[in-house]
Each structure stands twice: as C-alpha cells, then as structure tokens.
Amino acid sequence: MGSAHPDYGFMYPVNYGYVENVFAPDNEELDAYILGIETPINDFTGRCIAVLHRLDDDDDKLIIVPDGLTLTDDQIMNQVNFQEQYFKTAILRRTEDTPV
C-alpha cells in the first residue's frame, strides 16, 4: 500500500508482497495481495482465501486476508482491478470437494 510498481511506476492502493522461497510459474517468488488491512505493512500472516490465476501470463497471485474476513469475487476484483484490468484473470477457490 503506497509503494510503486518496480517496472511501471503506478502506486499500489492495497498491500502487496510475496511469499519468500515459494516460486510462481514465472520463476519469481509468489506474489500476494493482502486485502482487508488499510494501513501499510512490512509483513503479515493471514489466510489465503483465493488465488488469482492469470490466463494470459505466467503469474499467479494469492489473496491473503486477516482471519475472519471473507470477500466475494466481486469485492476481490474491485480491489485488485488497478493491476488485473490488463490481464484475463480467473479467481480460484478451494471447495470442500477440492483435495488438499
């Protein structure tokens, strides 16, 4: 939140980071949007409620929230649209039938 994208210079209106030593298909550390925290943070432990899977890019992003917070797909997309508007993105969620 409040930091600039390293390549394109736009400001992140939400907290954004990565999971150390966990690599995404783009061979970079796995990115995460941290939603539901309205102040800038340096680190965070929360709950992953979804994965944003980019259908036209080799980059997935976790959706991390504080325990107890739930968001609809529309609420997620409204918060991450500043960046995801440039990609074809699917929101993936675990269901009770999804194996762990």
C-alpha atoms as a PDB file:
ATOM      1  CA  MET A   1       0.000   0.000   0.000  1.00  0.00           C
ATOM      2  CA  GLY A   2       1.524   3.242  -1.109  1.00  0.00           C
ATOM      3  CA  SER A   3       4.514   1.621  -2.821  1.00  0.00           C
ATOM      4  CA  ALA A   4       5.286   1.924  -6.531  1.00  0.00           C
ATOM      5  CA  HIS A   5       5.384  -0.926  -9.040  1.00  0.00           C
ATOM      6  CA  PRO A   6       9.085  -1.600  -9.820  1.00  0.00           C
ATOM      7  CA  ASP A   7       8.654  -1.534 -13.611  1.00  0.00           C
ATOM      8  CA  TYR A   8       5.592   0.597 -14.365  1.00  0.00           C
ATOM      9  CA  GLY A   9       5.586   3.160 -11.560  1.00  0.00           C
ATOM     10  CA  PHE A  10       1.894   3.041 -10.596  1.00  0.00           C
ATOM     11  CA  MET A  11       1.069   3.097  -6.905  1.00  0.00           C
ATOM     12  CA  TYR A  12      -0.404   0.081  -5.162  1.00  0.00           C
ATOM     13  CA  PRO A  13      -3.680   1.047  -3.413  1.00  0.00           C
ATOM     14  CA  VAL A  14      -3.567  -2.237  -1.434  1.00  0.00           C
ATOM     15  CA  ASN A  15      -0.828  -4.050   0.433  1.00  0.00           C
ATOM     16  CA  TYR A  16       1.148  -6.279  -1.906  1.00  0.00           C
ATOM     17  CA  GLY A  17       4.080  -8.584  -1.338  1.00  0.00           C
ATOM     18  CA  TYR A  18       5.401 -12.072  -1.893  1.00  0.00           C
ATOM     19  CA  VAL A  19       5.955 -15.370  -0.129  1.00  0.00           C
ATOM     20  CA  GLU A  20       9.666 -15.908   0.438  1.00  0.00           C
ATOM     21  CA  ASN A  21      11.162 -19.052  -1.103  1.00  0.00           C
ATOM     22  CA  VAL A  22       7.887 -20.077  -2.796  1.00  0.00           C
ATOM     23  CA  PHE A  23       8.109 -19.675  -6.563  1.00  0.00           C
ATOM     24  CA  ALA A  24       5.377 -18.986  -9.105  1.00  0.00           C
ATOM     25  CA  PRO A  25       5.315 -20.198 -12.729  1.00  0.00           C
ATOM     26  CA  ASP A  26       7.200 -17.017 -13.744  1.00  0.00           C
ATOM     27  CA  ASN A  27      10.162 -18.182 -11.570  1.00  0.00           C
ATOM     28  CA  GLU A  28       9.708 -15.215  -9.236  1.00  0.00           C
ATOM     29  CA  GLU A  29       8.595 -15.508  -5.626  1.00  0.00           C
ATOM     30  CA  LEU A  30       4.830 -15.991  -5.362  1.00  0.00           C
ATOM     31  CA  ASP A  31       3.024 -12.651  -5.171  1.00  0.00           C
ATOM     32  CA  ALA A  32       0.231 -11.861  -2.743  1.00  0.00           C
ATOM     33  CA  TYR A  33      -2.390  -9.171  -2.471  1.00  0.00           C
ATOM     34  CA  ILE A  34      -3.070  -8.534   1.218  1.00  0.00           C
ATOM     35  CA  LEU A  35      -6.637  -7.266   1.456  1.00  0.00           C
ATOM     36  CA  GLY A  36      -8.547  -6.012   4.483  1.00  0.00           C
ATOM     37  CA  ILE A  37      -5.581  -4.185   6.042  1.00  0.00           C
ATOM     38  CA  GLU A  38      -5.946  -0.448   5.433  1.00  0.00           C
ATOM     39  CA  THR A  39      -2.503   0.687   6.607  1.00  0.00           C
ATOM     40  CA  PRO A  40       0.910  -0.077   5.072  1.00  0.00           C
ATOM     41  CA  ILE A  41       2.608  -3.180   6.499  1.00  0.00           C
ATOM     42  CA  ASN A  42       6.041  -4.792   6.232  1.00  0.00           C
ATOM     43  CA  ASP A  43       4.974  -8.386   6.869  1.00  0.00           C
ATOM     44  CA  PHE A  44       1.757 -10.209   7.518  1.00  0.00           C
ATOM     45  CA  THR A  45       0.410 -13.606   8.458  1.00  0.00           C
ATOM     46  CA  GLY A  46      -3.128 -14.241   7.309  1.00  0.00           C
ATOM     47  CA  ARG A  47      -5.378 -16.675   5.499  1.00  0.00           C
ATOM     48  CA  CYS A  48      -5.350 -17.389   1.761  1.00  0.00           C
ATOM     49  CA  ILE A  49      -8.949 -17.250   0.509  1.00  0.00           C
ATOM     50  CA  ALA A  50      -8.275 -17.417  -3.236  1.00  0.00           C
ATOM     51  CA  VAL A  51      -5.690 -17.488  -5.991  1.00  0.00           C
ATOM     52  CA  LEU A  52      -5.788 -15.103  -8.930  1.00  0.00           C
ATOM     53  CA  HIS A  53      -4.747 -17.162 -11.918  1.00  0.00           C
ATOM     54  CA  ARG A  54      -3.755 -15.148 -14.962  1.00  0.00           C
ATOM     55  CA  LEU A  55      -4.812 -16.996 -18.080  1.00  0.00           C
ATOM     56  CA  ASP A  56      -2.609 -14.857 -20.334  1.00  0.00           C
ATOM     57  CA  ASP A  57       0.514 -14.539 -18.152  1.00  0.00           C
ATOM     58  CA  ASP A  58       2.759 -16.852 -16.098  1.00  0.00           C
ATOM     59  CA  ASP A  59       1.939 -15.167 -12.816  1.00  0.00           C
ATOM     60  CA  ASP A  60      -0.490 -16.238 -10.111  1.00  0.00           C
ATOM     61  CA  LYS A  61      -1.242 -14.151  -7.038  1.00  0.00           C
ATOM     62  CA  LEU A  62      -2.525 -15.178  -3.627  1.00  0.00           C
ATOM     63  CA  ILE A  63      -5.385 -13.299  -1.984  1.00  0.00           C
ATOM     64  CA  ILE A  64      -4.494 -13.057   1.717  1.00  0.00           C
ATOM     65  CA  VAL A  65      -6.854 -11.625   4.349  1.00  0.00           C
ATOM     66  CA  PRO A  66      -6.967 -11.390   8.141  1.00  0.00           C
ATOM     67  CA  ASP A  67      -8.591 -14.342   9.910  1.00  0.00           C
ATOM     68  CA  GLY A  68     -12.355 -13.954   9.948  1.00  0.00           C
ATOM     69  CA  LEU A  69     -12.620 -11.776   6.826  1.00  0.00           C
ATOM     70  CA  THR A  70     -14.432 -13.095   3.783  1.00  0.00           C
ATOM     71  CA  LEU A  71     -14.665 -11.365   0.403  1.00  0.00           C
ATOM     72  CA  THR A  72     -16.761 -12.107  -2.659  1.00  0.00           C
ATOM     73  CA  ASP A  73     -15.136 -12.457  -6.062  1.00  0.00           C
ATOM     74  CA  ASP A  74     -16.512  -9.010  -6.978  1.00  0.00           C
ATOM     75  CA  GLN A  75     -15.018  -7.462  -3.830  1.00  0.00           C
ATOM     76  CA  ILE A  76     -11.640  -9.008  -4.646  1.00  0.00           C
ATOM     77  CA  MET A  77     -11.688  -7.830  -8.264  1.00  0.00           C
ATOM     78  CA  ASN A  78     -12.734  -4.303  -7.243  1.00  0.00           C
ATOM     79  CA  GLN A  79      -9.653  -4.054  -5.022  1.00  0.00           C
ATOM     80  CA  VAL A  80      -7.123  -5.545  -7.459  1.00  0.00           C
ATOM     81  CA  ASN A  81      -8.511  -4.128 -10.705  1.00  0.00           C
ATOM     82  CA  PHE A  82      -5.854  -1.378 -10.736  1.00  0.00           C
ATOM     83  CA  GLN A  83      -3.430  -4.056 -11.961  1.00  0.00           C
ATOM     84  CA  GLU A  84      -5.546  -7.031 -13.019  1.00  0.00           C
ATOM     85  CA  GLN A  85      -7.511  -4.971 -15.569  1.00  0.00           C
ATOM     86  CA  TYR A  86      -4.645  -5.614 -18.001  1.00  0.00           C
ATOM     87  CA  PHE A  87      -4.936  -9.424 -17.761  1.00  0.00           C
ATOM     88  CA  LYS A  88      -7.501 -12.152 -18.231  1.00  0.00           C
ATOM     89  CA  THR A  89      -7.814 -13.368 -14.651  1.00  0.00           C
ATOM     90  CA  ALA A  90      -9.722 -16.215 -13.019  1.00  0.00           C
ATOM     91  CA  ILE A  91     -10.359 -16.388  -9.282  1.00  0.00           C
ATOM     92  CA  LEU A  92      -9.746 -19.894  -7.961  1.00  0.00           C
ATOM     93  CA  ARG A  93     -11.066 -21.004  -4.594  1.00  0.00           C
ATOM     94  CA  ARG A  94     -10.832 -24.235  -2.678  1.00  0.00           C
ATOM     95  CA  THR A  95     -14.130 -26.001  -2.205  1.00  0.00           C
ATOM     96  CA  GLU A  96     -14.963 -28.774   0.215  1.00  0.00           C
ATOM     97  CA  ASP A  97     -14.515 -31.215  -2.684  1.00  0.00           C
ATOM     98  CA  THR A  98     -11.040 -29.898  -3.554  1.00  0.00           C
ATOM     99  CA  PRO A  99      -8.296 -32.242  -2.318  1.00  0.00           C
ATOM    100  CA  VAL A 100      -5.682 -30.682  -0.056  1.00  0.00           C
END
